[in-house]
Amino acid sequence: MAGKKSGQFSKEGIEALAKDKPVVYVIEGNRRNNLYTGVAKRGRVEERLKEHLPSGPDPVTGGKRVRIQQKPSIAEAKESEARIIKRSKPPQNKKGK
């Protein structure tokens, strides 16, 4: 699918990702297991992902890679996020989301 990108879960890796559309993102651990799934609006992708770095206000522990999938709208990104969370039950997503 076009617009799908991935990189290291680091400041540099995040800065290299596409950020011109809303995205659903998956932060993965060592075994490519889904640790956390979220969405970010166009123009806020880099900022939101950096919030999850160990030094950020909303850290995801154990993250090694991040995968993004661009979506045409934030509504579609949220629908995709809900499906991914339901299917893979990432351990660091808060209950009720």
N, C-alpha and C. Protein backbone atom coordinates (compact mmCIF):
# COMPACT_ATOMS: atom_id res chain seq x y z
N MET A 1 0.85 -1.19 0.00
CA MET A 1 0.00 0.00 0.00
C MET A 1 0.89 1.25 0.00
N ALA A 2 0.56 2.21 -0.81
CA ALA A 2 1.34 3.44 -0.91
C ALA A 2 1.29 4.21 0.41
N GLY A 3 2.39 4.89 0.72
CA GLY A 3 2.44 5.70 1.92
C GLY A 3 2.81 4.95 3.17
N LYS A 4 3.06 3.66 3.07
CA LYS A 4 3.45 2.89 4.25
C LYS A 4 4.95 3.03 4.42
N LYS A 5 5.39 3.39 5.59
CA LYS A 5 6.81 3.58 5.83
C LYS A 5 7.16 3.06 7.21
N SER A 6 8.42 2.77 7.39
CA SER A 6 8.87 2.35 8.72
C SER A 6 10.29 2.84 8.93
N GLY A 7 10.70 2.85 10.19
CA GLY A 7 12.05 3.28 10.53
C GLY A 7 12.35 2.95 11.98
N GLN A 8 13.56 3.27 12.37
CA GLN A 8 13.96 3.06 13.74
C GLN A 8 13.14 3.96 14.66
N PHE A 9 12.85 3.46 15.86
CA PHE A 9 12.12 4.25 16.85
C PHE A 9 13.14 5.11 17.59
N SER A 10 13.56 6.18 16.91
CA SER A 10 14.53 7.13 17.45
C SER A 10 14.21 8.49 16.87
N LYS A 11 14.82 9.54 17.41
CA LYS A 11 14.58 10.89 16.91
C LYS A 11 14.85 10.95 15.40
N GLU A 12 15.99 10.40 14.98
CA GLU A 12 16.37 10.44 13.57
C GLU A 12 15.42 9.61 12.70
N GLY A 13 15.06 8.42 13.19
CA GLY A 13 14.14 7.56 12.44
C GLY A 13 12.79 8.21 12.26
N ILE A 14 12.30 8.86 13.31
CA ILE A 14 11.01 9.53 13.26
C ILE A 14 11.05 10.70 12.28
N GLU A 15 12.13 11.45 12.28
CA GLU A 15 12.24 12.62 11.40
C GLU A 15 12.24 12.23 9.93
N ALA A 16 12.62 10.99 9.61
CA ALA A 16 12.68 10.54 8.22
C ALA A 16 11.34 10.03 7.68
N LEU A 17 10.34 9.91 8.55
CA LEU A 17 9.03 9.37 8.13
C LEU A 17 8.20 10.41 7.39
N ALA A 18 7.30 9.93 6.54
CA ALA A 18 6.37 10.81 5.84
C ALA A 18 5.43 11.45 6.86
N LYS A 19 5.10 12.72 6.64
CA LYS A 19 4.25 13.40 7.61
C LYS A 19 3.25 14.35 6.96
N ASP A 20 2.97 14.12 5.68
CA ASP A 20 2.09 15.04 4.96
C ASP A 20 0.63 14.60 4.93
N LYS A 21 0.30 13.51 5.62
CA LYS A 21 -1.09 13.03 5.71
C LYS A 21 -1.32 12.49 7.12
N PRO A 22 -2.60 12.33 7.52
CA PRO A 22 -2.86 11.65 8.80
C PRO A 22 -2.32 10.22 8.72
N VAL A 23 -1.86 9.71 9.85
CA VAL A 23 -1.31 8.35 9.87
C VAL A 23 -1.85 7.56 11.05
N VAL A 24 -1.82 6.24 10.89
CA VAL A 24 -1.95 5.32 12.01
C VAL A 24 -0.54 4.76 12.17
N TYR A 25 -0.06 4.70 13.40
CA TYR A 25 1.30 4.22 13.62
C TYR A 25 1.32 3.07 14.61
N VAL A 26 2.32 2.21 14.42
CA VAL A 26 2.53 1.06 15.30
C VAL A 26 3.97 1.12 15.78
N ILE A 27 4.15 1.14 17.08
CA ILE A 27 5.50 1.08 17.67
C ILE A 27 5.76 -0.37 18.04
N GLU A 28 6.84 -0.91 17.49
CA GLU A 28 7.14 -2.33 17.65
C GLU A 28 8.36 -2.55 18.52
N GLY A 29 8.37 -3.72 19.18
CA GLY A 29 9.50 -4.12 20.00
C GLY A 29 10.51 -4.94 19.21
N ASN A 30 11.41 -5.61 19.92
CA ASN A 30 12.47 -6.41 19.30
C ASN A 30 11.96 -7.45 18.33
N ARG A 31 10.88 -8.10 18.65
CA ARG A 31 10.37 -9.19 17.80
C ARG A 31 9.27 -8.70 16.85
N ARG A 32 9.29 -7.42 16.57
CA ARG A 32 8.29 -6.78 15.71
C ARG A 32 6.89 -6.93 16.27
N ASN A 33 6.81 -7.13 17.58
CA ASN A 33 5.51 -7.21 18.25
C ASN A 33 4.98 -5.79 18.47
N ASN A 34 3.68 -5.64 18.33
CA ASN A 34 3.02 -4.34 18.48
C ASN A 34 2.96 -3.98 19.97
N LEU A 35 3.68 -2.91 20.34
CA LEU A 35 3.65 -2.43 21.72
C LEU A 35 2.59 -1.35 21.91
N TYR A 36 2.38 -0.54 20.88
CA TYR A 36 1.45 0.59 20.99
C TYR A 36 1.01 1.01 19.61
N THR A 37 -0.26 1.33 19.46
CA THR A 37 -0.82 1.82 18.21
C THR A 37 -1.50 3.15 18.47
N GLY A 38 -1.32 4.09 17.56
CA GLY A 38 -1.95 5.39 17.72
C GLY A 38 -2.17 6.07 16.39
N VAL A 39 -2.74 7.28 16.45
CA VAL A 39 -2.96 8.08 15.24
C VAL A 39 -2.34 9.45 15.45
N ALA A 40 -2.02 10.08 14.33
CA ALA A 40 -1.52 11.46 14.38
C ALA A 40 -2.07 12.21 13.18
N LYS A 41 -2.47 13.46 13.41
CA LYS A 41 -2.99 14.30 12.34
C LYS A 41 -1.86 14.76 11.43
N ARG A 42 -2.24 15.11 10.21
CA ARG A 42 -1.27 15.68 9.28
C ARG A 42 -0.59 16.88 9.95
N GLY A 43 0.72 16.98 9.82
CA GLY A 43 1.45 18.08 10.43
C GLY A 43 1.84 17.82 11.88
N ARG A 44 1.35 16.73 12.49
CA ARG A 44 1.67 16.45 13.89
C ARG A 44 2.31 15.08 14.06
N VAL A 45 2.60 14.40 12.95
CA VAL A 45 3.13 13.04 13.01
C VAL A 45 4.45 12.99 13.78
N GLU A 46 5.41 13.80 13.38
CA GLU A 46 6.73 13.80 14.02
C GLU A 46 6.62 14.15 15.50
N GLU A 47 5.89 15.20 15.81
CA GLU A 47 5.72 15.64 17.20
C GLU A 47 5.09 14.54 18.06
N ARG A 48 4.04 13.92 17.55
CA ARG A 48 3.33 12.88 18.33
C ARG A 48 4.24 11.69 18.59
N LEU A 49 4.96 11.24 17.56
CA LEU A 49 5.84 10.09 17.75
C LEU A 49 6.97 10.40 18.73
N LYS A 50 7.49 11.61 18.69
CA LYS A 50 8.56 11.98 19.62
C LYS A 50 8.07 11.99 21.07
N GLU A 51 6.76 12.22 21.27
CA GLU A 51 6.20 12.17 22.63
C GLU A 51 6.32 10.77 23.22
N HIS A 52 6.45 9.74 22.35
CA HIS A 52 6.54 8.36 22.82
C HIS A 52 7.98 7.89 23.07
N LEU A 53 8.96 8.70 22.70
CA LEU A 53 10.35 8.32 22.97
C LEU A 53 10.57 8.25 24.49
N PRO A 54 11.59 7.52 24.94
CA PRO A 54 11.81 7.36 26.39
C PRO A 54 11.86 8.68 27.17
N SER A 55 12.35 9.76 26.55
CA SER A 55 12.43 11.05 27.23
C SER A 55 11.17 11.88 27.09
N GLY A 56 10.17 11.37 26.36
CA GLY A 56 8.96 12.14 26.09
C GLY A 56 7.93 12.03 27.19
N PRO A 57 6.85 12.82 27.09
CA PRO A 57 5.81 12.85 28.12
C PRO A 57 4.90 11.62 28.11
N ASP A 58 4.91 10.84 27.03
CA ASP A 58 4.03 9.67 26.90
C ASP A 58 4.85 8.49 26.37
N PRO A 59 5.87 8.06 27.15
CA PRO A 59 6.84 7.08 26.61
C PRO A 59 6.26 5.69 26.39
N VAL A 60 6.75 5.04 25.33
CA VAL A 60 6.46 3.64 25.05
C VAL A 60 7.77 2.89 25.30
N THR A 61 7.78 2.04 26.32
CA THR A 61 9.02 1.35 26.68
C THR A 61 9.26 0.15 25.76
N GLY A 62 10.53 -0.02 25.40
CA GLY A 62 10.93 -1.16 24.59
C GLY A 62 10.76 -0.98 23.09
N GLY A 63 10.37 0.20 22.64
CA GLY A 63 10.16 0.44 21.22
C GLY A 63 11.46 0.40 20.44
N LYS A 64 11.46 -0.32 19.32
CA LYS A 64 12.65 -0.41 18.46
C LYS A 64 12.39 0.13 17.06
N ARG A 65 11.18 -0.09 16.55
CA ARG A 65 10.82 0.37 15.19
C ARG A 65 9.44 1.01 15.24
N VAL A 66 9.19 1.86 14.27
CA VAL A 66 7.86 2.46 14.13
C VAL A 66 7.43 2.29 12.67
N ARG A 67 6.19 1.87 12.49
CA ARG A 67 5.59 1.72 11.17
C ARG A 67 4.43 2.69 11.07
N ILE A 68 4.36 3.41 9.95
CA ILE A 68 3.21 4.30 9.74
C ILE A 68 2.49 3.88 8.48
N GLN A 69 1.20 4.17 8.47
CA GLN A 69 0.39 3.96 7.27
C GLN A 69 -0.41 5.24 7.07
N GLN A 70 -0.17 5.90 5.96
CA GLN A 70 -0.87 7.15 5.68
C GLN A 70 -2.32 6.88 5.30
N LYS A 71 -3.19 7.78 5.73
CA LYS A 71 -4.63 7.67 5.46
C LYS A 71 -5.12 9.00 4.88
N PRO A 72 -6.20 8.96 4.08
CA PRO A 72 -6.72 10.19 3.49
C PRO A 72 -7.34 11.14 4.51
N SER A 73 -7.80 10.62 5.65
CA SER A 73 -8.43 11.48 6.66
C SER A 73 -8.13 10.95 8.06
N ILE A 74 -8.27 11.82 9.04
CA ILE A 74 -8.05 11.41 10.44
C ILE A 74 -9.13 10.41 10.85
N ALA A 75 -10.33 10.53 10.30
CA ALA A 75 -11.40 9.57 10.63
C ALA A 75 -11.01 8.17 10.18
N GLU A 76 -10.45 8.05 8.98
CA GLU A 76 -10.02 6.74 8.49
C GLU A 76 -8.84 6.21 9.32
N ALA A 77 -7.97 7.10 9.74
CA ALA A 77 -6.84 6.69 10.59
C ALA A 77 -7.37 6.12 11.91
N LYS A 78 -8.38 6.77 12.49
CA LYS A 78 -8.94 6.30 13.77
C LYS A 78 -9.65 4.96 13.61
N GLU A 79 -10.33 4.76 12.47
CA GLU A 79 -10.98 3.46 12.23
C GLU A 79 -9.94 2.35 12.12
N SER A 80 -8.86 2.63 11.41
CA SER A 80 -7.79 1.65 11.25
C SER A 80 -7.13 1.36 12.60
N GLU A 81 -6.91 2.42 13.40
CA GLU A 81 -6.32 2.26 14.73
C GLU A 81 -7.18 1.31 15.57
N ALA A 82 -8.49 1.51 15.55
CA ALA A 82 -9.40 0.68 16.35
C ALA A 82 -9.31 -0.79 15.93
N ARG A 83 -9.25 -1.03 14.62
CA ARG A 83 -9.14 -2.41 14.12
C ARG A 83 -7.82 -3.05 14.56
N ILE A 84 -6.73 -2.30 14.46
CA ILE A 84 -5.42 -2.84 14.84
C ILE A 84 -5.38 -3.16 16.34
N ILE A 85 -5.90 -2.24 17.16
CA ILE A 85 -5.91 -2.46 18.61
C ILE A 85 -6.76 -3.68 18.96
N LYS A 86 -7.91 -3.80 18.33
CA LYS A 86 -8.80 -4.94 18.60
C LYS A 86 -8.12 -6.26 18.23
N ARG A 87 -7.42 -6.25 17.08
CA ARG A 87 -6.79 -7.47 16.58
C ARG A 87 -5.52 -7.84 17.37
N SER A 88 -4.65 -6.86 17.64
CA SER A 88 -3.35 -7.22 18.22
C SER A 88 -3.20 -6.91 19.70
N LYS A 89 -4.15 -6.19 20.29
CA LYS A 89 -4.14 -5.89 21.73
C LYS A 89 -2.76 -5.45 22.24
N PRO A 90 -2.26 -4.33 21.72
CA PRO A 90 -0.94 -3.86 22.17
C PRO A 90 -0.93 -3.58 23.68
N PRO A 91 0.09 -4.07 24.38
CA PRO A 91 0.09 -3.99 25.84
C PRO A 91 0.18 -2.58 26.42
N GLN A 92 0.69 -1.61 25.64
CA GLN A 92 0.85 -0.27 26.21
C GLN A 92 -0.26 0.70 25.82
N ASN A 93 -1.26 0.24 25.05
CA ASN A 93 -2.43 1.07 24.82
C ASN A 93 -3.30 1.02 26.07
N LYS A 94 -3.80 2.16 26.47
CA LYS A 94 -4.63 2.22 27.68
C LYS A 94 -5.97 1.56 27.40
N LYS A 95 -6.52 0.92 28.38
CA LYS A 95 -7.82 0.27 28.24
C LYS A 95 -8.88 1.30 27.95
N GLY A 96 -9.86 0.89 27.16
CA GLY A 96 -10.98 1.78 26.85
C GLY A 96 -10.77 2.65 25.63
N LYS A 97 -9.60 2.56 25.02
CA LYS A 97 -9.33 3.36 23.81
C LYS A 97 -9.58 2.57 22.58
